[in-house]
Structures are given as structure tokens and as C-alpha cells.
Amino acid sequence: MQDVFGVVWDRSIDKDIGNVSGCLLPEPTLGQYRFPDPLDPRFFADIPDRIARYGERFRVFQIGFSLYERAWTLRGMQNLLMDFYDHPIFVHSLLEAIADYNIAQIRAALQYDIDAVYFGDDWGQQHGLQMGPRLWRQFIYPVLQRMYAVVHAAGKYVFIHSCGDVDELFDDLVGIGLNCFNPFQPEVMDVAALMERYRGG
């Protein structure tokens, strides 16, 4: 299966999401790669009908693989993790380009009567972050701040989904306007302590 970014997914191993097959950015450059149209009508076509049918519900616009995950699906995970050290300018450029794409989608979605924007971006492992907290703060944090600000400027809520042991980031995330986090995983987090610390924040 090929997604709108041109990434090919092999679902023979992981039938839920799939595994990336190949690498669209084999070199640390955006080169000739062209992002898809973020305003393609198919991304928004069902919003009016859903609002009409479920108008009394909390309405969320979702962007999956919203930053880091989109970067590694394009570049390859091992390549991207090495790029943090070897090609930092490229990583900044790639993440900003992805954010530009997302922000264009967010602005279009905000034309509808939605309540929140939900970003999906797994950063965690069973123990700690895939890239570590220093690199997360250097590369990912400022881009999240820019995306979240667009949502909050419209008076909407920010949701994030990030699997794994990522609770060391909660102060940073709350500080840039995160309203709702998912999922709280008891196998890797002290959920009771986190709820006590952040409830009502």
C-alpha cells in the first residue's frame, strides 16, 4: 500500500500499521521530493457530514504521523537518527517542511466547527525516548510549539498521541499548550502519580 506521501507500506509483518518498504529520501536532502497537496479535498470531504450527524460531540481533526514519524517514514528511521548528529540542518529543514504541510491542513480544518486538533507522533520506547530528551528538545520541541500555536490562536484544543515512556516530556508539552495526552501506559508510566501531578493543568 502506498500513502499520499508516496511511502510504501508492507503489511505482511505488521497488519495494523505496516512496515515502511524502501526509502523516499535516501540522501539527506529534500532534493526533488515534492510534498502532496495538503489541501486535497479528500482530506476534508467528510467533515461537514460528520458535523451534521454528530454535532453534539467533541469534534477532533486528526493528523497522524504528524512530525517525527513522518520524517522517519520518508528518510528511514536509522538514517534519521544518524542525521540528528550528522546532518542537523537537513533535519531542521525536513521537520519544518512537514510542519508547513500540517499547518496548511490545520488552517483548512479550522474553517469548520471543530474543537481540537489531534497530532499522532510516537516518540517513546519501553524505557525513554527513541532519540533522547536533548535531541527531542533541540529538533522536535520548537516545531511542535509552532504547530500548537496555530491551533491555540484559533481557540481550539491540542491533543497528542505518543506511545511509550515519554512522561519526561510532559512539562515541556504542557508549557507549549498541550491540553490532552494519550495514551497513559501503566506498563511504562506511574499513571497515578502523573494524574495527581497534571490533573486540571
Protein backbone atom coordinates (compact mmCIF):
# COMPACT_ATOMS: atom_id res chain seq x y z
CA MET A 1 0.00 0.00 0.00
CA GLN A 2 1.25 3.49 -0.85
CA ASP A 3 0.19 6.53 1.18
CA VAL A 4 -0.30 10.09 -0.09
CA PHE A 5 3.36 10.93 0.65
CA GLY A 6 4.48 8.11 -1.65
CA VAL A 7 5.64 5.90 1.24
CA VAL A 8 5.10 2.20 0.54
CA TRP A 9 3.87 0.12 3.48
CA ASP A 10 4.33 -3.63 3.77
CA ARG A 11 1.56 -5.13 5.89
CA SER A 12 2.72 -8.73 5.69
CA ILE A 13 4.50 -8.42 9.07
CA ASP A 14 2.51 -5.74 10.91
CA LYS A 15 -1.10 -5.89 9.76
CA ASP A 16 -2.13 -2.95 11.98
CA ILE A 17 0.08 -0.20 10.56
CA GLY A 18 2.66 -1.93 8.41
CA ASN A 19 6.38 -1.54 7.89
CA VAL A 20 7.91 1.06 5.58
CA SER A 21 9.32 -0.52 2.46
CA GLY A 22 12.16 1.37 0.83
CA CYS A 23 13.25 4.96 1.43
CA LEU A 24 11.95 8.02 -0.41
CA LEU A 25 14.81 10.23 0.80
CA PRO A 26 17.92 8.03 0.50
CA GLU A 27 20.16 11.09 0.83
CA PRO A 28 19.93 13.86 3.47
CA THR A 29 18.23 16.34 1.17
CA LEU A 30 14.69 17.08 0.12
CA GLY A 31 16.12 17.25 -3.42
CA GLN A 32 13.41 16.61 -5.97
CA TYR A 33 10.85 15.37 -3.43
CA ARG A 34 7.54 17.21 -3.58
CA PHE A 35 5.08 17.05 -0.73
CA PRO A 36 1.50 16.13 -1.63
CA ASP A 37 -1.17 18.80 -1.68
CA PRO A 38 -2.17 19.42 1.97
CA LEU A 39 -5.44 20.94 0.77
CA ASP A 40 -6.53 17.95 -1.31
CA PRO A 41 -10.33 17.97 -0.90
CA ARG A 42 -10.44 14.31 0.13
CA PHE A 43 -8.86 15.21 3.49
CA PHE A 44 -11.84 17.39 4.36
CA ALA A 45 -14.68 15.92 2.31
CA ASP A 46 -16.44 14.11 5.15
CA ILE A 47 -16.16 16.88 7.77
CA PRO A 48 -19.47 18.65 7.01
CA ASP A 49 -21.40 15.38 7.08
CA ARG A 50 -19.77 14.26 10.32
CA ILE A 51 -20.51 17.59 11.99
CA ALA A 52 -24.11 17.41 10.80
CA ARG A 53 -24.53 13.87 12.15
CA TYR A 54 -22.55 14.25 15.37
CA GLY A 55 -22.86 17.94 16.10
CA GLU A 56 -23.31 17.42 19.82
CA ARG A 57 -19.99 15.60 20.16
CA PHE A 58 -16.48 16.92 20.71
CA ARG A 59 -15.08 17.22 17.20
CA VAL A 60 -11.42 16.46 16.54
CA PHE A 61 -9.38 16.81 13.35
CA GLN A 62 -6.63 14.21 13.29
CA ILE A 63 -3.16 14.36 11.74
CA GLY A 64 -1.41 11.01 12.05
CA PHE A 65 2.36 10.60 11.66
CA SER A 66 2.47 14.32 12.25
CA LEU A 67 6.18 15.12 12.57
CA TYR A 68 8.94 12.76 13.72
CA GLU A 69 7.07 9.73 12.41
CA ARG A 70 6.50 11.38 9.04
CA ALA A 71 10.19 12.31 8.91
CA TRP A 72 11.43 8.79 9.52
CA THR A 73 8.91 7.21 7.15
CA LEU A 74 10.35 9.42 4.41
CA ARG A 75 14.03 9.20 5.37
CA GLY A 76 14.22 5.83 7.13
CA MET A 77 14.44 5.56 10.91
CA GLN A 78 18.11 4.62 11.14
CA ASN A 79 19.04 7.34 8.65
CA LEU A 80 17.06 9.99 10.52
CA LEU A 81 18.53 9.07 13.89
CA MET A 82 22.01 9.41 12.41
CA ASP A 83 21.01 12.67 10.70
CA PHE A 84 20.30 14.26 14.08
CA TYR A 85 24.09 14.17 14.56
CA ASP A 86 25.50 14.15 11.04
CA HIS A 87 23.05 16.38 9.13
CA PRO A 88 21.23 18.60 11.64
CA ILE A 89 20.45 21.34 9.11
CA PHE A 90 18.70 18.80 6.92
CA VAL A 91 16.66 17.51 9.87
CA HIS A 92 15.53 21.03 10.74
CA SER A 93 14.55 21.62 7.11
CA LEU A 94 12.67 18.33 6.88
CA LEU A 95 10.74 18.88 10.11
CA GLU A 96 9.87 22.45 9.16
CA ALA A 97 8.62 21.31 5.75
CA ILE A 98 6.42 18.69 7.42
CA ALA A 99 5.15 21.34 9.83
CA ASP A 100 4.32 23.67 6.93
CA TYR A 101 2.26 20.87 5.39
CA ASN A 102 0.48 20.20 8.69
CA ILE A 103 -0.21 23.87 9.35
CA ALA A 104 -1.80 24.24 5.92
CA GLN A 105 -4.11 21.33 6.80
CA ILE A 106 -4.84 22.74 10.25
CA ARG A 107 -5.79 26.14 8.85
CA ALA A 108 -8.15 24.47 6.38
CA ALA A 109 -9.69 22.26 9.10
CA LEU A 110 -10.20 25.29 11.33
CA GLN A 111 -12.63 26.67 8.77
CA TYR A 112 -15.03 24.04 10.12
CA ASP A 113 -16.66 23.90 13.53
CA ILE A 114 -14.11 21.62 15.16
CA ASP A 115 -12.99 21.62 18.79
CA ALA A 116 -9.46 20.24 18.69
CA VAL A 117 -6.56 19.05 16.56
CA TYR A 118 -5.08 15.65 17.38
CA PHE A 119 -1.45 15.00 16.45
CA GLY A 120 -0.12 11.45 16.30
CA ASP A 121 3.65 11.08 16.76
CA ASP A 122 5.27 8.19 18.66
CA TRP A 123 8.49 9.25 20.41
CA GLY A 124 8.80 6.62 23.12
CA GLN A 125 10.23 3.20 23.71
CA GLN A 126 9.54 0.96 26.69
CA HIS A 127 12.25 2.92 28.52
CA GLY A 128 12.76 6.51 27.47
CA LEU A 129 12.71 8.32 24.15
CA GLN A 130 13.86 6.94 20.84
CA MET A 131 16.05 10.00 20.22
CA GLY A 132 16.64 11.05 23.84
CA PRO A 133 15.43 14.23 25.53
CA ARG A 134 18.25 16.52 24.33
CA LEU A 135 17.61 15.83 20.65
CA TRP A 136 13.84 15.94 21.16
CA ARG A 137 14.13 19.42 22.67
CA GLN A 138 16.57 20.60 20.01
CA PHE A 139 14.67 19.39 16.95
CA ILE A 140 11.09 18.47 17.75
CA TYR A 141 10.05 20.82 20.54
CA PRO A 142 10.30 24.11 18.58
CA VAL A 143 8.33 22.68 15.67
CA LEU A 144 5.60 21.38 17.96
CA GLN A 145 5.46 24.83 19.55
CA ARG A 146 4.83 26.39 16.14
CA MET A 147 2.09 23.89 15.21
CA TYR A 148 0.36 24.06 18.59
CA ALA A 149 0.35 27.86 18.46
CA VAL A 150 -1.74 27.80 15.28
CA VAL A 151 -4.36 25.64 16.99
CA HIS A 152 -4.46 27.76 20.14
CA ALA A 153 -4.63 31.00 18.17
CA ALA A 154 -7.96 29.74 16.87
CA GLY A 155 -9.17 28.99 20.40
CA LYS A 156 -9.04 25.20 19.93
CA TYR A 157 -7.53 22.37 21.97
CA VAL A 158 -4.34 20.42 21.24
CA PHE A 159 -4.23 16.63 21.64
CA ILE A 160 -1.17 14.43 21.20
CA HIS A 161 -0.86 10.68 20.89
CA SER A 162 2.59 9.33 21.63
CA CYS A 163 3.21 5.76 22.70
CA GLY A 164 5.89 4.66 25.11
CA ASP A 165 7.78 6.11 28.05
CA VAL A 166 7.51 9.83 27.26
CA ASP A 167 6.38 11.30 30.58
CA GLU A 168 9.69 13.16 30.97
CA LEU A 169 8.34 15.49 28.27
CA PHE A 170 5.09 16.41 29.99
CA ASP A 171 6.33 19.70 31.47
CA ASP A 172 7.59 20.76 28.03
CA LEU A 173 4.35 19.73 26.33
CA VAL A 174 2.13 21.44 28.87
CA GLY A 175 4.33 24.50 28.59
CA ILE A 176 3.62 24.84 24.86
CA GLY A 177 -0.09 24.30 25.25
CA LEU A 178 -0.86 20.58 25.24
CA ASN A 179 -4.39 20.00 26.54
CA CYS A 180 -4.82 16.23 26.28
CA PHE A 181 -2.32 13.36 26.16
CA ASN A 182 -2.94 9.78 25.01
CA PRO A 183 -2.12 7.05 25.98
CA PHE A 184 -1.20 6.66 29.62
CA GLN A 185 0.52 3.27 29.63
CA PRO A 186 0.73 1.67 33.08
CA GLU A 187 3.45 -0.73 31.95
CA VAL A 188 5.85 2.18 31.36
CA MET A 189 4.40 5.06 33.43
CA ASP A 190 3.35 5.73 37.01
CA VAL A 191 -0.13 6.73 35.92
CA ALA A 192 -1.43 7.56 39.41
CA ALA A 193 1.47 9.94 40.10
CA LEU A 194 1.10 11.59 36.70
CA MET A 195 -2.63 12.10 37.14
CA GLU A 196 -2.03 13.68 40.53
CA ARG A 197 0.64 15.99 39.14
CA TYR A 198 -1.10 17.14 35.97
CA ARG A 199 -4.81 16.82 36.68
CA GLY A 200 -6.61 20.05 35.85
CA GLY A 201 -3.47 21.66 34.41
